[in-house]
Amino acid sequence: MSDKPVRGRARPRVLLLIVLLVLAGALVYGWNDFSRFSNAPLNVTAQGDSIDISRGSSFRNIVGELRQRNLSAANPLYWRLLAEQMRVAGKLHAGEYALNVGITPRQLLANMAAGKVLQRNFTIVDGWTFAELRQALARAEKLNHDSAGDDDATIMQKLGAAGEAPEGRFLPETYAYVKGDSDLDLLRRAHGAMVKTLAALWPARAKDLPLSTPYDALILASIVEKETGRPDERAQIAGVFVRRLQHHMLLQTDPSVIYGMGASYAGNIRKDDLTADTPYNTYTRPGLPPTPIALPGKPALEAALHPAGGNALYFVARGDGGHVFAGTLEEHNRNVDCYQRKHCQ
């Protein structure tokens, strides 16, 4: 009896098995390649890079930009499969996203689905003037400059604080922002932070301060801020000015004179500058200047509201960032001779 029919029937089975094995191998290879793609870093070569997804962008547009920028050479099908696997297809948010070195496709899609947009930080430095704050804002990256061309009064009006002098009104702090925010957004937050901080600190102030309003405290704090950068001296400096106010003495603070000189200040203060009367010349006018002279930080505000005790009415710079304090004019003059004229006895 011949076995040829049996062999004829076996051949299709063998071919089917081969096809199934090839398909299985292709599936295994495809799955492994897909898994490798999902968790392999994108081709990000520079820290600080980002991708900006505009509103209304399709998934295809997003993948297309990644491929166009050579951040990913993977088949777009892989990106679609990954998005379906993560259940984020159609749920990606517009915005700017960080492309940190080492970020994977899975991490990037997760960030986009969560709306975890890139945040930048802007720091308002203690002791800046409002003019310096505006200059720094103009240099900030990815920030809309909506106040460009506005004068100070217009800015305060847009912030809902019409009639307020801007100097001193913004709390030095670090503020996070995202692309699309404006300089007015940051100013509004910093203004609100100062209002809130003053409102919290003012009720707990020391007794018998010669300060009638929180704004007076803001002015005094700005002077303290400009007179010293040393944390251990702020309360001492504040104490000197508080006692001078209580004794109806002129404050005689150089930073206020310099502020009143404006653009004419060339880096040195001369005797003629101390006698030239301006609203900010505390050598010619009694009491506090009409506005703050800088943006005081919270530590300076606390020092102004809780000045150190003692009898010091004068101080002079030592030349090392610190100051020497004196209770009498005679003692102060000796300190000036020693530390400024180098005639120490």
Protein backbone atom coordinates (compact mmCIF):
# COMPACT_ATOMS: atom_id res chain seq x y z
CA MET A 1 0.00 0.00 0.00
CA SER A 2 1.39 3.45 -0.97
CA ASP A 3 1.95 6.22 1.70
CA LYS A 4 2.05 9.12 -0.79
CA PRO A 5 -1.43 10.50 0.15
CA VAL A 6 -0.31 10.72 3.82
CA ARG A 7 2.74 12.67 2.90
CA GLY A 8 0.60 14.92 0.70
CA ARG A 9 -1.72 15.71 3.61
CA ALA A 10 1.26 16.40 5.97
CA ARG A 11 2.85 19.02 3.74
CA PRO A 12 0.16 21.75 4.32
CA ARG A 13 0.36 21.12 8.05
CA VAL A 14 4.11 21.64 8.00
CA LEU A 15 3.69 24.82 5.99
CA LEU A 16 1.03 26.04 8.43
CA LEU A 17 3.32 25.30 11.36
CA ILE A 18 6.14 27.20 9.73
CA VAL A 19 3.86 30.15 9.09
CA LEU A 20 2.65 30.10 12.70
CA LEU A 21 6.23 29.93 13.97
CA VAL A 22 7.23 32.84 11.77
CA LEU A 23 4.24 34.86 12.98
CA ALA A 24 5.00 34.00 16.59
CA GLY A 25 8.61 35.01 16.10
CA ALA A 26 7.55 38.24 14.46
CA LEU A 27 5.16 38.98 17.32
CA VAL A 28 7.83 38.27 19.93
CA TYR A 29 10.31 40.43 18.05
CA GLY A 30 7.74 43.17 17.56
CA TRP A 31 6.72 43.13 21.23
CA ASN A 32 10.34 43.21 22.39
CA ASP A 33 11.10 46.04 19.97
CA PHE A 34 8.00 47.93 21.11
CA SER A 35 8.98 47.44 24.77
CA ARG A 36 12.49 48.64 24.00
CA PHE A 37 11.08 51.73 22.27
CA SER A 38 8.71 52.49 25.15
CA ASN A 39 11.45 52.58 27.76
CA ALA A 40 14.49 53.69 25.78
CA PRO A 41 15.56 57.36 26.15
CA LEU A 42 14.61 59.76 23.42
CA ASN A 43 17.43 61.36 21.48
CA VAL A 44 17.73 64.41 23.76
CA THR A 45 21.26 65.78 23.73
CA ALA A 46 20.91 69.09 25.58
CA GLN A 47 19.56 69.60 29.07
CA GLY A 48 16.85 72.25 29.14
CA ASP A 49 15.30 71.29 25.80
CA SER A 50 11.53 71.27 25.49
CA ILE A 51 8.67 70.60 23.11
CA ASP A 52 5.77 73.00 22.72
CA ILE A 53 2.40 71.44 21.91
CA SER A 54 0.01 74.03 20.59
CA ARG A 55 -3.69 73.87 21.30
CA GLY A 56 -5.51 71.67 18.80
CA SER A 57 -2.47 69.61 17.79
CA SER A 58 -3.32 66.07 16.71
CA PHE A 59 -1.47 63.00 17.94
CA ARG A 60 0.00 62.65 14.47
CA ASN A 61 1.29 66.24 14.64
CA ILE A 62 2.96 65.58 17.99
CA VAL A 63 4.71 62.42 16.78
CA GLY A 64 5.61 64.17 13.55
CA GLU A 65 7.39 66.95 15.42
CA LEU A 66 9.32 64.45 17.53
CA ARG A 67 10.48 62.69 14.39
CA GLN A 68 11.22 65.93 12.54
CA ARG A 69 13.47 67.07 15.37
CA ASN A 70 15.21 63.66 15.35
CA LEU A 71 14.13 63.03 18.91
CA SER A 72 12.60 59.70 17.87
CA ALA A 73 13.11 57.54 14.79
CA ALA A 74 10.50 54.98 15.86
CA ASN A 75 7.61 53.95 13.65
CA PRO A 76 4.60 56.23 14.38
CA LEU A 77 2.61 53.01 14.93
CA TYR A 78 4.67 52.36 18.05
CA TRP A 79 3.70 55.76 19.44
CA ARG A 80 0.03 55.04 18.72
CA LEU A 81 0.23 51.59 20.36
CA LEU A 82 1.94 53.07 23.41
CA ALA A 83 -0.70 55.77 23.77
CA GLU A 84 -3.46 53.15 23.49
CA GLN A 85 -1.72 50.90 25.99
CA MET A 86 -1.44 53.83 28.45
CA ARG A 87 -5.04 54.88 27.66
CA VAL A 88 -3.94 58.44 26.97
CA ALA A 89 -4.70 58.67 23.25
CA GLY A 90 -6.83 61.77 22.75
CA LYS A 91 -6.06 62.99 26.30
CA LEU A 92 -2.79 64.85 25.73
CA HIS A 93 -2.76 68.46 26.92
CA ALA A 94 -1.34 71.44 25.09
CA GLY A 95 1.62 73.20 26.64
CA GLU A 96 5.39 73.20 26.89
CA TYR A 97 7.00 70.01 28.19
CA ALA A 98 10.52 69.44 29.41
CA LEU A 99 12.72 67.11 27.39
CA ASN A 100 15.25 66.16 30.02
CA VAL A 101 18.16 63.97 29.03
CA GLY A 102 17.08 60.36 29.57
CA ILE A 103 13.32 60.92 29.22
CA THR A 104 11.51 57.97 27.61
CA PRO A 105 8.44 57.95 25.31
CA ARG A 106 6.39 56.49 28.16
CA GLN A 107 7.44 59.28 30.54
CA LEU A 108 6.80 61.98 27.96
CA LEU A 109 3.28 60.74 27.18
CA ALA A 110 2.55 60.45 30.91
CA ASN A 111 3.62 64.07 31.43
CA MET A 112 1.46 65.23 28.52
CA ALA A 113 -1.55 63.29 29.76
CA ALA A 114 -1.17 64.75 33.25
CA GLY A 115 -0.61 68.28 31.92
CA LYS A 116 2.73 68.36 33.71
CA VAL A 117 3.97 71.37 31.78
CA LEU A 118 7.43 72.82 32.11
CA GLN A 119 7.76 75.32 34.95
CA ARG A 120 10.37 78.05 35.09
CA ASN A 121 11.38 80.07 38.13
CA PHE A 122 11.70 83.82 38.45
CA THR A 123 13.35 85.22 41.57
CA ILE A 124 12.72 88.72 42.87
CA VAL A 125 15.90 89.59 44.75
CA ASP A 126 15.73 91.27 48.15
CA GLY A 127 16.74 94.91 47.75
CA TRP A 128 15.93 95.29 44.07
CA THR A 129 14.20 98.50 43.08
CA PHE A 130 11.01 98.28 41.08
CA ALA A 131 12.95 99.48 38.03
CA GLU A 132 15.39 96.59 38.44
CA LEU A 133 12.47 94.18 38.81
CA ARG A 134 10.98 95.40 35.52
CA GLN A 135 14.33 95.02 33.77
CA ALA A 136 14.67 91.44 35.01
CA LEU A 137 11.13 90.58 33.93
CA ALA A 138 11.88 91.90 30.44
CA ARG A 139 14.72 89.35 30.21
CA ALA A 140 12.70 86.36 31.46
CA GLU A 141 12.32 83.53 28.96
CA LYS A 142 8.97 82.26 27.68
CA LEU A 143 7.11 85.02 29.52
CA ASN A 144 4.61 87.27 27.78
CA HIS A 145 5.68 90.88 28.26
CA ASP A 146 2.25 92.47 28.51
CA SER A 147 3.51 95.50 30.45
CA ALA A 148 6.13 96.51 27.90
CA GLY A 149 5.69 100.20 27.17
CA ASP A 150 3.47 100.82 30.21
CA ASP A 151 4.51 103.36 32.80
CA ASP A 152 4.50 102.45 36.48
CA ALA A 153 1.09 104.01 37.14
CA THR A 154 -0.50 102.01 34.32
CA ILE A 155 1.01 98.80 35.63
CA MET A 156 -0.38 99.41 39.12
CA GLN A 157 -3.79 100.16 37.60
CA LYS A 158 -3.71 96.87 35.68
CA LEU A 159 -2.83 95.08 38.92
CA GLY A 160 -5.88 96.54 40.63
CA ALA A 161 -3.79 98.85 42.79
CA ALA A 162 -4.38 102.19 41.09
CA GLY A 163 -2.78 105.10 42.91
CA GLU A 164 -0.18 103.01 44.74
CA ALA A 165 3.48 103.82 44.26
CA PRO A 166 5.01 100.53 43.06
CA GLU A 167 8.27 100.72 44.99
CA GLY A 168 8.42 98.18 47.79
CA ARG A 169 5.04 96.63 46.97
CA PHE A 170 6.30 93.28 45.63
CA LEU A 171 7.60 90.54 47.90
CA PRO A 172 11.04 89.19 47.02
CA GLU A 173 10.57 85.47 46.51
CA THR A 174 10.91 82.80 43.82
CA TYR A 175 7.80 82.44 41.67
CA ALA A 176 7.14 79.57 39.25
CA TYR A 177 5.56 80.26 35.88
CA VAL A 178 4.73 78.42 32.67
CA LYS A 179 4.79 79.46 29.04
CA GLY A 180 1.83 81.69 28.35
CA ASP A 181 1.99 83.47 31.71
CA SER A 182 2.71 87.19 31.58
CA ASP A 183 4.88 89.60 33.54
CA LEU A 184 1.64 91.04 34.94
CA ASP A 185 0.72 87.58 36.28
CA LEU A 186 3.99 87.43 38.22
CA LEU A 187 3.66 91.01 39.45
CA ARG A 188 0.10 90.34 40.59
CA ARG A 189 1.24 87.33 42.61
CA ALA A 190 4.20 89.19 44.13
CA HIS A 191 1.99 92.16 45.01
CA GLY A 192 -0.56 89.88 46.65
CA ALA A 193 2.20 88.09 48.55
CA MET A 194 3.46 91.39 49.98
CA VAL A 195 -0.05 92.46 51.00
CA LYS A 196 -0.58 89.12 52.72
CA THR A 197 2.82 89.17 54.44
CA LEU A 198 2.36 92.70 55.79
CA ALA A 199 -1.13 91.88 57.00
CA ALA A 200 0.22 88.87 58.90
CA LEU A 201 3.24 90.64 60.45
CA TRP A 202 1.75 94.02 61.37
CA PRO A 203 -0.55 92.91 64.24
CA ALA A 204 2.36 91.19 66.05
CA ARG A 205 4.68 94.24 65.88
CA ALA A 206 6.62 95.44 68.89
CA LYS A 207 4.92 97.98 71.14
CA ASP A 208 5.48 101.73 70.92
CA LEU A 209 6.99 101.75 67.45
CA PRO A 210 7.01 105.20 65.78
CA LEU A 211 5.21 103.66 62.81
CA SER A 212 1.59 104.59 62.17
CA THR A 213 0.74 102.19 59.34
CA PRO A 214 1.96 98.99 57.68
CA TYR A 215 3.18 101.23 54.84
CA ASP A 216 5.49 103.00 57.31
CA ALA A 217 6.89 99.59 58.22
CA LEU A 218 7.40 98.85 54.53
CA ILE A 219 9.37 102.09 54.10
CA LEU A 220 11.54 101.41 57.14
CA ALA A 221 12.13 97.81 56.06
CA SER A 222 13.33 99.00 52.65
CA ILE A 223 15.92 101.22 54.32
CA VAL A 224 17.08 98.34 56.51
CA GLU A 225 17.29 96.14 53.40
CA LYS A 226 19.58 98.61 51.64
CA GLU A 227 21.74 99.36 54.68
CA THR A 228 22.83 95.79 55.40
CA GLY A 229 22.82 92.37 53.84
CA ARG A 230 23.80 90.65 57.07
CA PRO A 231 20.99 88.75 58.81
CA ASP A 232 22.54 89.32 62.22
CA GLU A 233 22.50 93.10 61.78
CA ARG A 234 19.03 93.79 60.42
CA ALA A 235 17.34 94.18 63.81
CA GLN A 236 20.23 96.35 65.08
CA ILE A 237 20.02 98.65 62.07
CA ALA A 238 16.24 98.86 62.49
CA GLY A 239 16.74 99.69 66.17
CA VAL A 240 18.98 102.64 65.31
CA PHE A 241 16.42 104.14 62.94
CA VAL A 242 13.51 103.53 65.31
CA ARG A 243 15.35 105.35 68.12
CA ARG A 244 16.27 108.22 65.81
CA LEU A 245 12.59 108.58 64.86
CA GLN A 246 11.61 108.49 68.53
CA HIS A 247 14.20 111.21 69.31
CA HIS A 248 13.06 113.29 66.31
CA MET A 249 16.51 113.00 64.77
CA LEU A 250 17.16 113.02 61.04
CA LEU A 251 17.58 109.48 59.73
CA GLN A 252 20.62 110.46 57.61
CA THR A 253 20.61 107.25 55.58
CA ASP A 254 22.67 107.31 52.38
CA PRO A 255 20.61 104.72 50.44
CA SER A 256 17.57 107.00 50.61
CA VAL A 257 19.60 109.95 49.32
CA ILE A 258 20.93 107.78 46.48
CA TYR A 259 17.40 106.67 45.59
CA GLY A 260 16.31 110.31 45.38
CA MET A 261 19.23 111.11 43.06
CA GLY A 262 17.88 108.69 40.47
CA ALA A 263 19.86 108.48 37.25
CA SER A 264 22.27 111.19 38.39
CA TYR A 265 23.87 108.80 40.86
CA ALA A 266 27.18 107.72 39.34
CA GLY A 267 28.41 105.32 42.02
CA ASN A 268 29.71 107.78 44.59
CA ILE A 269 27.84 110.00 46.99
CA ARG A 270 29.41 113.42 47.63
CA LYS A 271 28.93 116.08 50.29
CA ASP A 272 26.95 118.20 47.84
CA ASP A 273 24.56 115.29 47.33
CA LEU A 274 23.85 115.19 51.06
CA THR A 275 22.80 118.85 51.08
CA ALA A 276 20.82 118.84 47.81
CA ASP A 277 17.21 118.64 48.95
CA THR A 278 14.92 115.97 47.49
CA PRO A 279 11.89 114.23 49.02
CA TYR A 280 14.24 111.31 49.75
CA ASN A 281 17.10 113.26 51.31
CA THR A 282 16.97 112.17 54.93
CA TYR A 283 19.80 114.58 55.74
CA THR A 284 17.57 117.56 54.94
CA ARG A 285 14.07 116.21 55.68
CA PRO A 286 12.80 114.68 58.92
CA GLY A 287 11.00 111.39 59.27
CA LEU A 288 10.68 108.56 56.79
CA PRO A 289 10.98 109.15 53.04
CA PRO A 290 7.67 109.30 51.16
CA THR A 291 7.88 105.76 49.73
CA PRO A 292 10.03 102.67 50.14
CA ILE A 293 13.39 102.85 48.37
CA ALA A 294 13.58 99.16 47.43
CA LEU A 295 11.76 95.83 47.67
CA PRO A 296 12.32 94.54 51.22
CA GLY A 297 12.30 90.83 51.93
CA LYS A 298 10.40 89.25 54.80
CA PRO A 299 13.46 89.23 57.12
CA ALA A 300 13.82 93.02 56.71
CA LEU A 301 10.10 93.47 57.41
CA GLU A 302 10.42 91.40 60.57
CA ALA A 303 13.42 93.45 61.66
CA ALA A 304 11.54 96.73 61.13
CA LEU A 305 8.63 95.47 63.22
CA HIS A 306 10.85 93.90 65.89
CA PRO A 307 13.92 96.14 66.18
CA ALA A 308 16.72 95.32 68.59
CA GLY A 309 16.86 97.26 71.83
CA GLY A 310 19.82 99.29 73.06
CA ASN A 311 21.03 102.87 72.94
CA ALA A 312 22.82 102.95 69.56
CA LEU A 313 21.94 105.99 67.44
CA TYR A 314 24.73 105.74 64.88
CA PHE A 315 26.56 103.14 62.85
CA VAL A 316 29.40 103.11 60.36
CA ALA A 317 30.54 100.45 57.90
CA ARG A 318 33.61 98.47 58.95
CA GLY A 319 34.57 97.65 55.39
CA ASP A 320 33.92 93.92 55.71
CA GLY A 321 30.15 94.00 55.25
CA GLY A 322 29.47 94.67 58.93
CA HIS A 323 28.94 97.82 60.96
CA VAL A 324 30.13 99.38 64.22
CA PHE A 325 27.41 100.91 66.39
CA ALA A 326 27.64 103.89 68.73
CA GLY A 327 25.39 105.56 71.26
CA THR A 328 26.94 109.03 71.13
CA LEU A 329 28.12 111.34 68.36
CA GLU A 330 31.58 111.51 69.91
CA GLU A 331 31.92 107.73 69.83
CA HIS A 332 30.55 107.64 66.30
CA ASN A 333 33.09 110.22 65.09
CA ARG A 334 35.88 108.09 66.50
CA ASN A 335 34.51 105.09 64.63
CA VAL A 336 34.32 107.10 61.41
CA ASP A 337 37.96 108.18 61.83
CA CYS A 338 39.00 104.60 62.44
CA TYR A 339 37.00 102.67 59.88
CA GLN A 340 36.59 105.19 57.06
CA ARG A 341 39.60 107.48 57.41
CA LYS A 342 41.84 104.72 58.83
CA HIS A 343 42.98 106.97 61.71
CA CYS A 344 42.48 104.43 64.48
CA GLN A 345 43.92 105.38 67.85
